[in-house]
């Protein structure tokens, strides 16, 4: 079947309960294009979102009666992967759109690498078997204290200090990286955050 654009999920989870909003079928892959989170409470609420292996938001405070909108995400999901959400408010709603397509392993174009930097600054490298386009970098601080993380390809792309429970989303980068070019990340200082890279194979 051809690619199908659709609403991938809608949910209003129970308070402080991990809820699987979406699961990819065994013969499909999916790409998350947009995500909207609305806090319909009169008080602030902490929200979390996990997209496959990616920690997208962890414990972020969403102000009372406000909305977060993420567009042009292009986050791929493999067959059997989940999108899991959590909220500390009964009236928080999550809506996610994107598309599904048939999964053929030899034709699947994406590589997702998610990891936790080693405390102390050791560099961790990402290996690839082809030239690729770096589409997005997502950095999350799941702690209450400041975290600083660096990314190089091979020179410095990011050295960013994140406040507690904050997320840095760099999407639509379209950064070409040759197979022989180093791509790495490291913990610089403070608490240890998490990082994810979304890459796409180059078709010549």
Protein backbone atom coordinates (compact mmCIF):
# COMPACT_ATOMS: atom_id res chain seq x y z
CA UNK A 1 0.00 0.00 0.00
CA UNK A 2 1.17 3.59 -0.58
CA UNK A 3 2.07 6.00 2.20
CA UNK A 4 -0.97 6.94 4.30
CA UNK A 5 -1.17 10.28 6.10
CA UNK A 6 -3.21 10.00 9.27
CA UNK A 7 -3.78 10.98 12.88
CA UNK A 8 -1.49 8.53 14.64
CA UNK A 9 -2.95 9.00 18.09
CA UNK A 10 -5.09 10.99 20.51
CA UNK A 11 -5.16 10.47 24.27
CA UNK A 12 -5.96 12.07 27.61
CA UNK A 13 -3.96 9.89 30.01
CA UNK A 14 -4.81 9.23 33.62
CA UNK A 15 -2.80 11.28 36.10
CA UNK A 16 0.83 10.13 36.47
CA UNK A 17 0.25 7.00 34.39
CA UNK A 18 2.43 5.95 31.45
CA UNK A 19 0.05 5.50 28.51
CA UNK A 20 0.87 3.99 25.11
CA UNK A 21 -0.79 6.38 22.67
CA UNK A 22 0.36 4.60 19.52
CA UNK A 23 2.02 1.38 18.39
CA UNK A 24 3.41 0.77 14.89
CA UNK A 25 2.01 -2.28 13.10
CA UNK A 26 4.38 -5.19 12.52
CA UNK A 27 4.50 -4.62 8.74
CA UNK A 28 4.72 -0.81 8.78
CA UNK A 29 6.99 2.01 9.77
CA UNK A 30 5.71 5.42 10.80
CA UNK A 31 6.97 8.99 10.78
CA UNK A 32 5.70 11.42 13.41
CA UNK A 33 5.20 14.83 11.80
CA UNK A 34 3.46 16.87 14.50
CA UNK A 35 2.56 16.69 18.18
CA UNK A 36 0.22 18.94 20.16
CA UNK A 37 -0.05 18.88 23.95
CA UNK A 38 -2.77 20.91 25.68
CA UNK A 39 -3.03 21.50 29.42
CA UNK A 40 -6.71 22.18 30.04
CA UNK A 41 -6.21 22.43 33.80
CA UNK A 42 -6.23 25.61 35.87
CA UNK A 43 -2.86 24.57 37.32
CA UNK A 44 0.52 23.77 35.77
CA UNK A 45 1.19 20.14 34.83
CA UNK A 46 4.34 18.15 34.09
CA UNK A 47 4.24 16.23 30.80
CA UNK A 48 6.49 13.56 29.27
CA UNK A 49 6.66 12.00 25.79
CA UNK A 50 8.75 9.04 24.60
CA UNK A 51 8.81 8.40 20.83
CA UNK A 52 10.26 4.96 20.21
CA UNK A 53 13.78 4.97 21.67
CA UNK A 54 13.80 8.78 21.93
CA UNK A 55 13.16 10.60 25.19
CA UNK A 56 11.42 13.62 23.67
CA UNK A 57 10.11 15.44 26.75
CA UNK A 58 10.65 14.44 30.37
CA UNK A 59 8.85 16.23 33.19
CA UNK A 60 8.43 19.50 31.30
CA UNK A 61 6.13 21.98 33.04
CA UNK A 62 3.25 23.04 30.81
CA UNK A 63 1.55 26.15 32.13
CA UNK A 64 -2.13 26.11 33.06
CA UNK A 65 -4.50 26.48 30.09
CA UNK A 66 -1.69 26.48 27.54
CA UNK A 67 -0.54 24.42 24.55
CA UNK A 68 2.71 23.08 23.13
CA UNK A 69 2.92 22.52 19.36
CA UNK A 70 5.77 20.68 17.64
CA UNK A 71 5.70 20.71 13.82
CA UNK A 72 7.95 19.22 11.11
CA UNK A 73 9.31 16.63 13.54
CA UNK A 74 9.98 13.82 11.03
CA UNK A 75 10.72 11.28 13.78
CA UNK A 76 10.66 7.72 12.37
CA UNK A 77 9.38 4.65 14.20
CA UNK A 78 10.14 1.03 13.38
CA UNK A 79 7.58 -1.81 13.40
CA UNK A 80 6.44 -2.56 16.94
CA UNK A 81 7.70 0.69 18.48
CA UNK A 82 5.50 2.79 20.77
CA UNK A 83 4.76 6.41 21.56
CA UNK A 84 4.26 6.67 25.32
CA UNK A 85 2.93 9.72 27.15
CA UNK A 86 2.49 10.83 30.76
CA UNK A 87 0.90 13.85 32.44
CA UNK A 88 0.50 15.12 35.99
CA UNK A 89 -2.91 16.60 35.18
CA UNK A 90 -6.20 14.87 34.42
CA UNK A 91 -7.15 17.26 31.62
CA UNK A 92 -4.01 17.09 29.49
CA UNK A 93 -4.57 15.96 25.90
CA UNK A 94 -2.06 14.74 23.31
CA UNK A 95 -2.66 14.65 19.54
CA UNK A 96 -0.12 13.26 17.07
CA UNK A 97 -0.16 13.16 13.26
CA UNK A 98 2.13 11.68 10.64
CA UNK A 99 2.14 8.85 8.15
CA UNK A 100 2.57 5.10 7.86
CA UNK A 101 4.24 3.19 5.04
CA UNK A 102 5.11 -0.41 4.25
CA UNK A 103 8.28 -1.54 6.01
CA UNK A 104 10.91 -3.12 3.77
CA UNK A 105 14.16 -3.41 5.69
CA UNK A 106 16.41 -3.02 2.64
CA UNK A 107 14.61 0.18 1.62
CA UNK A 108 14.18 1.77 5.04
CA UNK A 109 16.03 5.11 4.85
CA UNK A 110 16.38 6.19 8.49
CA UNK A 111 18.82 5.69 11.33
CA UNK A 112 17.88 6.72 14.88
CA UNK A 113 20.58 6.76 17.53
CA UNK A 114 19.55 7.53 21.11
CA UNK A 115 21.95 7.51 24.01
CA UNK A 116 22.98 8.79 27.41
CA UNK A 117 26.38 10.49 27.55
CA UNK A 118 28.94 9.05 29.94
CA UNK A 119 29.40 11.25 32.99
CA UNK A 120 32.81 12.90 32.96
CA UNK A 121 33.09 13.97 29.34
CA UNK A 122 34.14 10.82 27.47
CA UNK A 123 33.36 11.16 23.74
CA UNK A 124 30.89 8.63 22.30
CA UNK A 125 30.97 8.10 18.54
CA UNK A 126 28.15 7.16 16.16
CA UNK A 127 29.12 4.75 13.39
CA UNK A 128 27.40 4.75 10.00
CA UNK A 129 27.70 2.56 6.91
CA UNK A 130 26.98 5.28 4.33
CA UNK A 131 26.84 9.00 3.69
CA UNK A 132 23.86 10.42 5.56
CA UNK A 133 21.82 13.56 6.14
CA UNK A 134 21.58 14.60 9.78
CA UNK A 135 17.95 15.68 9.98
CA UNK A 136 17.49 16.34 13.70
CA UNK A 137 19.17 16.39 17.09
CA UNK A 138 17.10 16.14 20.27
CA UNK A 139 18.69 16.83 23.65
CA UNK A 140 16.73 16.31 26.87
CA UNK A 141 17.60 17.10 30.47
CA UNK A 142 15.57 14.71 32.68
CA UNK A 143 16.96 16.22 35.88
CA UNK A 144 16.11 19.22 38.05
CA UNK A 145 19.63 20.67 37.75
CA UNK A 146 21.42 22.20 34.75
CA UNK A 147 23.00 19.89 32.14
CA UNK A 148 25.51 20.79 29.40
CA UNK A 149 26.10 18.52 26.41
CA UNK A 150 28.23 18.82 23.28
CA UNK A 151 27.87 17.38 19.76
CA UNK A 152 30.60 17.36 17.08
CA UNK A 153 30.56 16.41 13.38
CA UNK A 154 33.60 16.45 13.46
CA UNK A 155 33.92 20.05 14.69
CA UNK A 156 31.59 21.47 17.31
CA UNK A 157 27.93 21.64 16.27
CA UNK A 158 26.39 22.15 19.70
CA UNK A 159 27.54 22.97 23.20
CA UNK A 160 24.33 23.74 25.01
CA UNK A 161 23.36 24.29 28.64
CA UNK A 162 19.84 23.06 29.38
CA UNK A 163 17.78 23.98 32.42
CA UNK A 164 16.10 21.24 34.42
CA UNK A 165 13.46 19.22 32.51
CA UNK A 166 14.09 21.18 29.31
CA UNK A 167 14.35 19.92 25.71
CA UNK A 168 16.44 21.25 22.83
CA UNK A 169 14.95 20.34 19.44
CA UNK A 170 17.03 21.04 16.33
CA UNK A 171 14.98 19.84 13.39
CA UNK A 172 15.12 20.38 9.62
CA UNK A 173 18.93 20.56 9.84
CA UNK A 174 19.64 18.81 6.49
CA UNK A 175 23.31 18.53 7.48
CA UNK A 176 25.32 16.30 5.11
CA UNK A 177 27.76 13.94 6.83
CA UNK A 178 30.08 11.70 4.85
CA UNK A 179 30.58 8.13 6.02
CA UNK A 180 34.17 8.96 6.97
CA UNK A 181 33.23 12.08 8.97
CA UNK A 182 33.12 11.69 12.73
CA UNK A 183 29.86 12.24 14.60
CA UNK A 184 30.00 12.19 18.38
CA UNK A 185 28.48 13.50 21.59
CA UNK A 186 29.68 14.00 25.15
CA UNK A 187 28.64 15.17 28.59
CA UNK A 188 30.29 18.52 29.35
CA UNK A 189 29.13 19.46 32.84
CA UNK A 190 26.27 19.32 35.32
CA UNK A 191 23.70 16.55 35.40
CA UNK A 192 23.69 13.93 32.64
CA UNK A 193 21.08 14.41 29.90
CA UNK A 194 20.01 12.30 26.93
CA UNK A 195 20.53 12.82 23.22
CA UNK A 196 19.03 11.44 20.01
CA UNK A 197 20.06 11.77 16.37
CA UNK A 198 17.80 11.24 13.35
CA UNK A 199 19.69 10.52 10.14
CA UNK A 200 18.63 9.59 6.62
CA UNK A 201 20.61 7.65 4.03
CA UNK A 202 21.78 9.59 1.00
CA UNK A 203 20.51 8.17 -2.28
CA UNK A 204 22.89 9.17 -5.08
